[in-house]
Amino acid sequence: MNIKEIVEKYLKDNGYDGLCNSDFSCGCGLKDGLFPCNEPFSADCVPARSKIATEEDMNDESDFEVGEEIFFPAEDKEA
């Protein structure tokens, strides 16, 4: 088993949707493949939940569109 497989197994076993890094406003999902950034060892990535972005999720710094899947830290409550 490699690092990516270990992380995928942990996320699946614990009911997470993927990973996110709030410092860079990025996230990646299990269904689309983890680590598209090719940085599988980022200590800042945390288990995440996903949702479809709404107008309420948007702000001046948003780099996503309404209707896109977004990721947020699993310990945060959904807006």
C-alpha atoms as a PDB file:
ATOM      1  CA  MET A   1       0.000   0.000   0.000  1.00  0.00           C
ATOM      2  CA  ASN A   2       1.310   3.464  -0.836  1.00  0.00           C
ATOM      3  CA  ILE A   3       0.577   6.783   0.923  1.00  0.00           C
ATOM      4  CA  LYS A   4      -2.277   7.686  -1.433  1.00  0.00           C
ATOM      5  CA  GLU A   5      -3.962   4.308  -0.876  1.00  0.00           C
ATOM      6  CA  ILE A   6      -3.578   4.624   2.903  1.00  0.00           C
ATOM      7  CA  VAL A   7      -5.142   8.105   2.892  1.00  0.00           C
ATOM      8  CA  GLU A   8      -7.991   6.981   0.581  1.00  0.00           C
ATOM      9  CA  LYS A   9      -8.742   4.004   2.832  1.00  0.00           C
ATOM     10  CA  TYR A  10      -8.767   6.181   5.960  1.00  0.00           C
ATOM     11  CA  LEU A  11     -11.110   8.730   4.386  1.00  0.00           C
ATOM     12  CA  LYS A  12     -13.497   6.052   3.090  1.00  0.00           C
ATOM     13  CA  ASP A  13     -13.473   4.101   6.369  1.00  0.00           C
ATOM     14  CA  ASN A  14     -14.347   7.262   8.305  1.00  0.00           C
ATOM     15  CA  GLY A  15     -17.020   8.640   5.978  1.00  0.00           C
ATOM     16  CA  TYR A  16     -15.141  11.635   4.558  1.00  0.00           C
ATOM     17  CA  ASP A  17     -15.595  12.956   1.011  1.00  0.00           C
ATOM     18  CA  GLY A  18     -11.995  14.024   0.407  1.00  0.00           C
ATOM     19  CA  LEU A  19      -9.377  16.500   1.588  1.00  0.00           C
ATOM     20  CA  CYS A  20      -9.133  20.278   1.775  1.00  0.00           C
ATOM     21  CA  ASN A  21      -6.592  22.928   2.598  1.00  0.00           C
ATOM     22  CA  SER A  22      -8.184  26.140   3.874  1.00  0.00           C
ATOM     23  CA  ASP A  23      -4.948  28.119   3.449  1.00  0.00           C
ATOM     24  CA  PHE A  24      -5.140  27.647  -0.314  1.00  0.00           C
ATOM     25  CA  SER A  25      -8.924  27.277  -0.704  1.00  0.00           C
ATOM     26  CA  CYS A  26      -8.502  23.942  -2.418  1.00  0.00           C
ATOM     27  CA  GLY A  27     -10.053  20.557  -2.056  1.00  0.00           C
ATOM     28  CA  CYS A  28     -10.016  17.191  -3.763  1.00  0.00           C
ATOM     29  CA  GLY A  29     -12.519  14.385  -3.610  1.00  0.00           C
ATOM     30  CA  LEU A  30     -12.327  10.646  -3.399  1.00  0.00           C
ATOM     31  CA  LYS A  31     -14.512  10.190  -6.465  1.00  0.00           C
ATOM     32  CA  ASP A  32     -12.344  12.442  -8.657  1.00  0.00           C
ATOM     33  CA  GLY A  33      -8.984  11.324  -7.345  1.00  0.00           C
ATOM     34  CA  LEU A  34      -6.916  12.698  -4.517  1.00  0.00           C
ATOM     35  CA  PHE A  35      -3.845  14.865  -4.892  1.00  0.00           C
ATOM     36  CA  PRO A  36      -4.422  16.475  -8.304  1.00  0.00           C
ATOM     37  CA  CYS A  37      -1.898  19.064  -7.089  1.00  0.00           C
ATOM     38  CA  ASN A  38       0.737  16.305  -6.950  1.00  0.00           C
ATOM     39  CA  GLU A  39       1.441  17.248  -3.327  1.00  0.00           C
ATOM     40  CA  PRO A  40       0.404  14.083  -1.442  1.00  0.00           C
ATOM     41  CA  PHE A  41       2.395  14.952   1.645  1.00  0.00           C
ATOM     42  CA  SER A  42       0.897  18.343   2.523  1.00  0.00           C
ATOM     43  CA  ALA A  43       0.642  18.524   6.299  1.00  0.00           C
ATOM     44  CA  ASP A  44      -2.028  21.210   5.923  1.00  0.00           C
ATOM     45  CA  CYS A  45      -4.613  19.024   4.145  1.00  0.00           C
ATOM     46  CA  VAL A  46      -7.393  17.768   6.428  1.00  0.00           C
ATOM     47  CA  PRO A  47     -10.316  15.357   6.012  1.00  0.00           C
ATOM     48  CA  ALA A  48     -13.195  17.126   4.323  1.00  0.00           C
ATOM     49  CA  ARG A  49     -16.880  17.008   3.535  1.00  0.00           C
ATOM     50  CA  SER A  50     -18.260  18.285   0.267  1.00  0.00           C
ATOM     51  CA  LYS A  51     -21.326  20.190  -0.818  1.00  0.00           C
ATOM     52  CA  ILE A  52     -22.619  22.038  -3.835  1.00  0.00           C
ATOM     53  CA  ALA A  53     -21.732  25.741  -3.676  1.00  0.00           C
ATOM     54  CA  THR A  54     -24.591  28.222  -3.249  1.00  0.00           C
ATOM     55  CA  GLU A  55     -24.729  32.021  -3.376  1.00  0.00           C
ATOM     56  CA  GLU A  56     -24.194  32.065   0.408  1.00  0.00           C
ATOM     57  CA  ASP A  57     -20.799  30.380  -0.044  1.00  0.00           C
ATOM     58  CA  MET A  58     -19.536  33.094  -2.394  1.00  0.00           C
ATOM     59  CA  ASN A  59     -17.325  36.038  -1.433  1.00  0.00           C
ATOM     60  CA  ASP A  60     -14.801  38.293  -3.168  1.00  0.00           C
ATOM     61  CA  GLU A  61     -12.087  35.642  -2.843  1.00  0.00           C
ATOM     62  CA  SER A  62     -14.089  32.660  -4.138  1.00  0.00           C
ATOM     63  CA  ASP A  63     -12.431  30.757  -6.948  1.00  0.00           C
ATOM     64  CA  PHE A  64     -15.455  28.543  -7.625  1.00  0.00           C
ATOM     65  CA  GLU A  65     -18.886  29.013  -9.138  1.00  0.00           C
ATOM     66  CA  VAL A  66     -22.360  28.391  -7.738  1.00  0.00           C
ATOM     67  CA  GLY A  67     -23.235  24.765  -8.477  1.00  0.00           C
ATOM     68  CA  GLU A  68     -19.680  23.434  -8.226  1.00  0.00           C
ATOM     69  CA  GLU A  69     -18.656  20.881  -5.620  1.00  0.00           C
ATOM     70  CA  ILE A  70     -16.650  22.493  -2.831  1.00  0.00           C
ATOM     71  CA  PHE A  71     -14.845  20.993   0.154  1.00  0.00           C
ATOM     72  CA  PHE A  72     -14.671  22.207   3.731  1.00  0.00           C
ATOM     73  CA  PRO A  73     -12.920  20.814   6.825  1.00  0.00           C
ATOM     74  CA  ALA A  74     -14.963  17.964   8.291  1.00  0.00           C
ATOM     75  CA  GLU A  75     -14.905  19.501  11.768  1.00  0.00           C
ATOM     76  CA  ASP A  76     -16.552  22.714  10.447  1.00  0.00           C
ATOM     77  CA  LYS A  77     -20.320  22.838  10.408  1.00  0.00           C
ATOM     78  CA  GLU A  78     -21.954  23.160   7.017  1.00  0.00           C
ATOM     79  CA  ALA A  79     -23.166  26.713   6.360  1.00  0.00           C
END
